[in-house]
Amino acid sequence: MKVVVLCGPESSGKSWLAERLRVRLGAVVVGEYVRHFIDREQRDTCYADIDTIARGQLAWEDAARRTQPALLVLDTHLLSNLLWSRTLFGDCPAWLETALLQRHYDAHLLLSPEGVDWSADGQRCQPDLAQRQAFFAQSQAWLLAHGLPCTVIGGDWLAREAQVLASVRHVLDQP
């Protein structure tokens, strides 16, 4: 089983690309638990929700891992929970970083916010490109600081799809 994470700021194409990988390569996709949580609770999140959201994300990931698909694609993972918690609330539950570092991922594909337009969907909150660039930079810095190389994905939608497909095919070819 190969596990690929799509990470980066909102509105950079993670969900769209995850769906493309499902259709094109038969990937099993794990979505964003936080979207489910917000839809269910019908309110904005608060700091007290971070633990529940992160544990929900892990539960979804673990359930998908147990099925042992050839390709598992995560639309997000705990890095997003960690960075959003710090961004929105200035703090993060201590266990998140440890839990994230204990998991194995075969590739992190980090999506740049540049080259595609922001799209409002009722849950997104960073329409300003500078905010999304800052989130991208925080994501990249965290991954590199922890020795987790990432492939930056950019350009328009077609370029992103081509880069992601090439990156995932490369991962699939590795023993």
Protein backbone atom coordinates (compact mmCIF):
# COMPACT_ATOMS: atom_id res chain seq x y z
CA MET A 1 0.00 0.00 0.00
CA LYS A 2 1.23 3.47 -0.92
CA VAL A 3 -0.08 6.46 1.03
CA VAL A 4 -0.01 9.89 -0.61
CA VAL A 5 -1.00 13.09 1.17
CA LEU A 6 -2.35 16.14 -0.63
CA CYS A 7 -1.58 19.08 1.62
CA GLY A 8 -1.50 22.85 1.53
CA PRO A 9 -3.85 25.80 1.78
CA GLU A 10 -7.55 25.82 1.13
CA SER A 11 -8.81 26.17 -2.42
CA SER A 12 -5.60 24.82 -3.94
CA GLY A 13 -7.19 21.70 -5.43
CA LYS A 14 -6.70 18.96 -2.83
CA SER A 15 -10.22 17.55 -3.04
CA TRP A 16 -10.42 17.91 -6.81
CA LEU A 17 -7.08 16.18 -7.29
CA ALA A 18 -7.99 13.43 -4.83
CA GLU A 19 -11.09 12.73 -6.89
CA ARG A 20 -9.03 12.71 -10.10
CA LEU A 21 -6.71 10.12 -8.51
CA ARG A 22 -9.71 8.04 -7.50
CA VAL A 23 -11.07 8.09 -11.04
CA ARG A 24 -7.78 7.77 -12.93
CA LEU A 25 -5.86 5.35 -10.68
CA GLY A 26 -8.51 3.67 -8.54
CA ALA A 27 -7.25 5.29 -5.35
CA VAL A 28 -9.13 5.03 -2.09
CA VAL A 29 -9.61 8.60 -0.87
CA VAL A 30 -9.94 9.85 2.70
CA GLY A 31 -11.69 13.21 2.84
CA GLU A 32 -11.45 16.06 5.32
CA TYR A 33 -13.10 15.16 8.61
CA VAL A 34 -13.40 18.83 9.54
CA ARG A 35 -15.88 19.39 6.69
CA HIS A 36 -18.02 16.53 8.01
CA PHE A 37 -17.75 17.98 11.52
CA ILE A 38 -18.84 21.49 10.45
CA ASP A 39 -21.73 20.12 8.38
CA ARG A 40 -22.87 17.98 11.30
CA GLU A 41 -22.48 20.63 14.02
CA GLN A 42 -23.74 23.53 11.87
CA ARG A 43 -21.32 26.02 13.47
CA ASP A 44 -17.78 27.28 13.26
CA THR A 45 -15.15 25.32 15.09
CA CYS A 46 -13.57 26.39 18.36
CA TYR A 47 -10.31 25.32 20.02
CA ALA A 48 -12.12 22.67 22.09
CA ASP A 49 -13.14 20.97 18.81
CA ILE A 50 -9.58 20.43 17.54
CA ASP A 51 -9.07 17.21 19.49
CA THR A 52 -12.33 15.73 18.18
CA ILE A 53 -11.59 16.80 14.61
CA ALA A 54 -8.04 15.43 14.65
CA ARG A 55 -9.14 12.12 16.18
CA GLY A 56 -11.92 11.89 13.59
CA GLN A 57 -9.40 12.46 10.80
CA LEU A 58 -7.18 9.72 12.20
CA ALA A 59 -10.11 7.33 12.56
CA TRP A 60 -11.05 7.84 8.91
CA GLU A 61 -7.42 7.36 7.85
CA ASP A 62 -7.03 4.23 9.98
CA ALA A 63 -10.23 2.70 8.62
CA ALA A 64 -9.00 3.24 5.06
CA ARG A 65 -5.54 1.84 5.89
CA ARG A 66 -7.15 -1.35 7.22
CA THR A 67 -8.61 -2.03 3.77
CA GLN A 68 -5.04 -2.15 2.37
CA PRO A 69 -5.70 -0.46 -0.97
CA ALA A 70 -2.87 -0.27 -3.48
CA LEU A 71 -3.14 3.53 -3.35
CA LEU A 72 -4.52 5.52 -0.43
CA VAL A 73 -4.87 9.26 -1.00
CA LEU A 74 -5.44 11.61 1.91
CA ASP A 75 -7.21 14.84 1.02
CA THR A 76 -5.55 16.18 4.18
CA HIS A 77 -3.92 14.89 7.34
CA LEU A 78 -2.96 16.02 10.83
CA LEU A 79 -0.60 18.71 9.51
CA SER A 80 -3.62 20.67 8.35
CA ASN A 81 -5.28 20.24 11.76
CA LEU A 82 -2.09 21.35 13.50
CA LEU A 83 -1.56 24.44 11.35
CA TRP A 84 -5.21 25.51 11.31
CA SER A 85 -5.35 25.17 15.10
CA ARG A 86 -2.30 27.41 15.45
CA THR A 87 -3.60 29.84 12.82
CA LEU A 88 -7.10 30.20 14.25
CA PHE A 89 -6.48 29.73 17.96
CA GLY A 90 -2.75 30.32 18.54
CA ASP A 91 -2.35 26.87 20.06
CA CYS A 92 -2.58 23.18 19.23
CA PRO A 93 -3.12 20.03 21.31
CA ALA A 94 0.36 18.70 22.09
CA TRP A 95 -0.36 15.15 20.93
CA LEU A 96 -1.06 16.12 17.29
CA GLU A 97 2.53 16.65 16.23
CA THR A 98 3.71 13.45 17.90
CA ALA A 99 0.90 11.45 16.29
CA LEU A 100 1.65 12.94 12.89
CA LEU A 101 5.35 12.09 13.13
CA GLN A 102 4.59 8.48 14.11
CA ARG A 103 2.79 7.77 10.82
CA HIS A 104 4.30 6.74 7.53
CA TYR A 105 3.42 8.54 4.31
CA ASP A 106 5.05 7.70 0.99
CA ALA A 107 4.67 11.20 -0.45
CA HIS A 108 3.51 14.66 0.51
CA LEU A 109 2.27 16.64 -2.47
CA LEU A 110 2.14 20.28 -1.35
CA LEU A 111 -0.23 22.40 -3.41
CA SER A 112 0.67 26.01 -4.06
CA PRO A 113 -2.11 28.59 -3.80
CA GLU A 114 -0.76 30.45 -6.82
CA GLY A 115 -2.13 29.83 -10.28
CA VAL A 116 -5.71 28.97 -9.29
CA ASP A 117 -8.51 31.15 -8.00
CA TRP A 118 -9.89 30.94 -4.48
CA SER A 119 -13.39 29.48 -4.40
CA ALA A 120 -15.86 30.28 -1.62
CA ASP A 121 -17.78 27.26 -0.33
CA GLY A 122 -19.20 28.40 3.01
CA GLN A 123 -16.38 26.82 5.03
CA ARG A 124 -13.26 28.43 3.60
CA CYS A 125 -11.97 31.55 5.31
CA GLN A 126 -8.80 32.70 3.52
CA PRO A 127 -9.82 34.55 0.34
CA ASP A 128 -6.63 36.64 0.50
CA LEU A 129 -3.80 35.06 -1.50
CA ALA A 130 -1.23 36.30 1.04
CA GLN A 131 -2.97 34.27 3.77
CA ARG A 132 -2.92 31.15 1.65
CA GLN A 133 0.73 31.75 0.73
CA ALA A 134 1.56 31.99 4.45
CA PHE A 135 -0.24 28.68 5.12
CA PHE A 136 1.66 27.10 2.22
CA ALA A 137 4.97 28.39 3.63
CA GLN A 138 4.11 27.06 7.10
CA SER A 139 3.25 23.66 5.61
CA GLN A 140 6.46 23.49 3.62
CA ALA A 141 8.61 24.65 6.55
CA TRP A 142 7.06 22.05 8.88
CA LEU A 143 7.55 19.20 6.41
CA LEU A 144 11.16 20.13 5.69
CA ALA A 145 11.98 20.75 9.37
CA HIS A 146 10.85 17.20 10.12
CA GLY A 147 12.75 15.61 7.26
CA LEU A 148 9.64 14.92 5.20
CA PRO A 149 10.45 16.04 1.68
CA CYS A 150 7.54 17.24 -0.35
CA THR A 151 6.83 17.83 -3.99
CA VAL A 152 5.39 21.25 -4.71
CA ILE A 153 2.48 21.19 -7.12
CA GLY A 154 1.56 24.38 -8.96
CA GLY A 155 0.23 25.94 -12.11
CA ASP A 156 -3.26 25.82 -13.52
CA TRP A 157 -5.66 22.91 -13.01
CA LEU A 158 -4.35 20.86 -15.94
CA ALA A 159 -0.74 21.38 -14.86
CA ARG A 160 -1.60 20.34 -11.31
CA GLU A 161 -3.32 17.20 -12.48
CA ALA A 162 -0.38 16.24 -14.70
CA GLN A 163 2.15 16.85 -11.89
CA VAL A 164 0.14 14.90 -9.34
CA LEU A 165 -0.41 11.96 -11.68
CA ALA A 166 3.31 11.84 -12.51
CA SER A 167 4.28 12.07 -8.82
CA VAL A 168 1.85 9.34 -7.77
CA ARG A 169 2.87 7.04 -10.62
CA HIS A 170 6.48 7.49 -9.51
CA VAL A 171 5.51 6.53 -5.94
CA LEU A 172 3.62 3.49 -7.20
CA ASP A 173 6.70 2.35 -9.14
CA GLN A 174 8.86 2.37 -5.99
CA PRO A 175 9.31 -0.93 -4.12
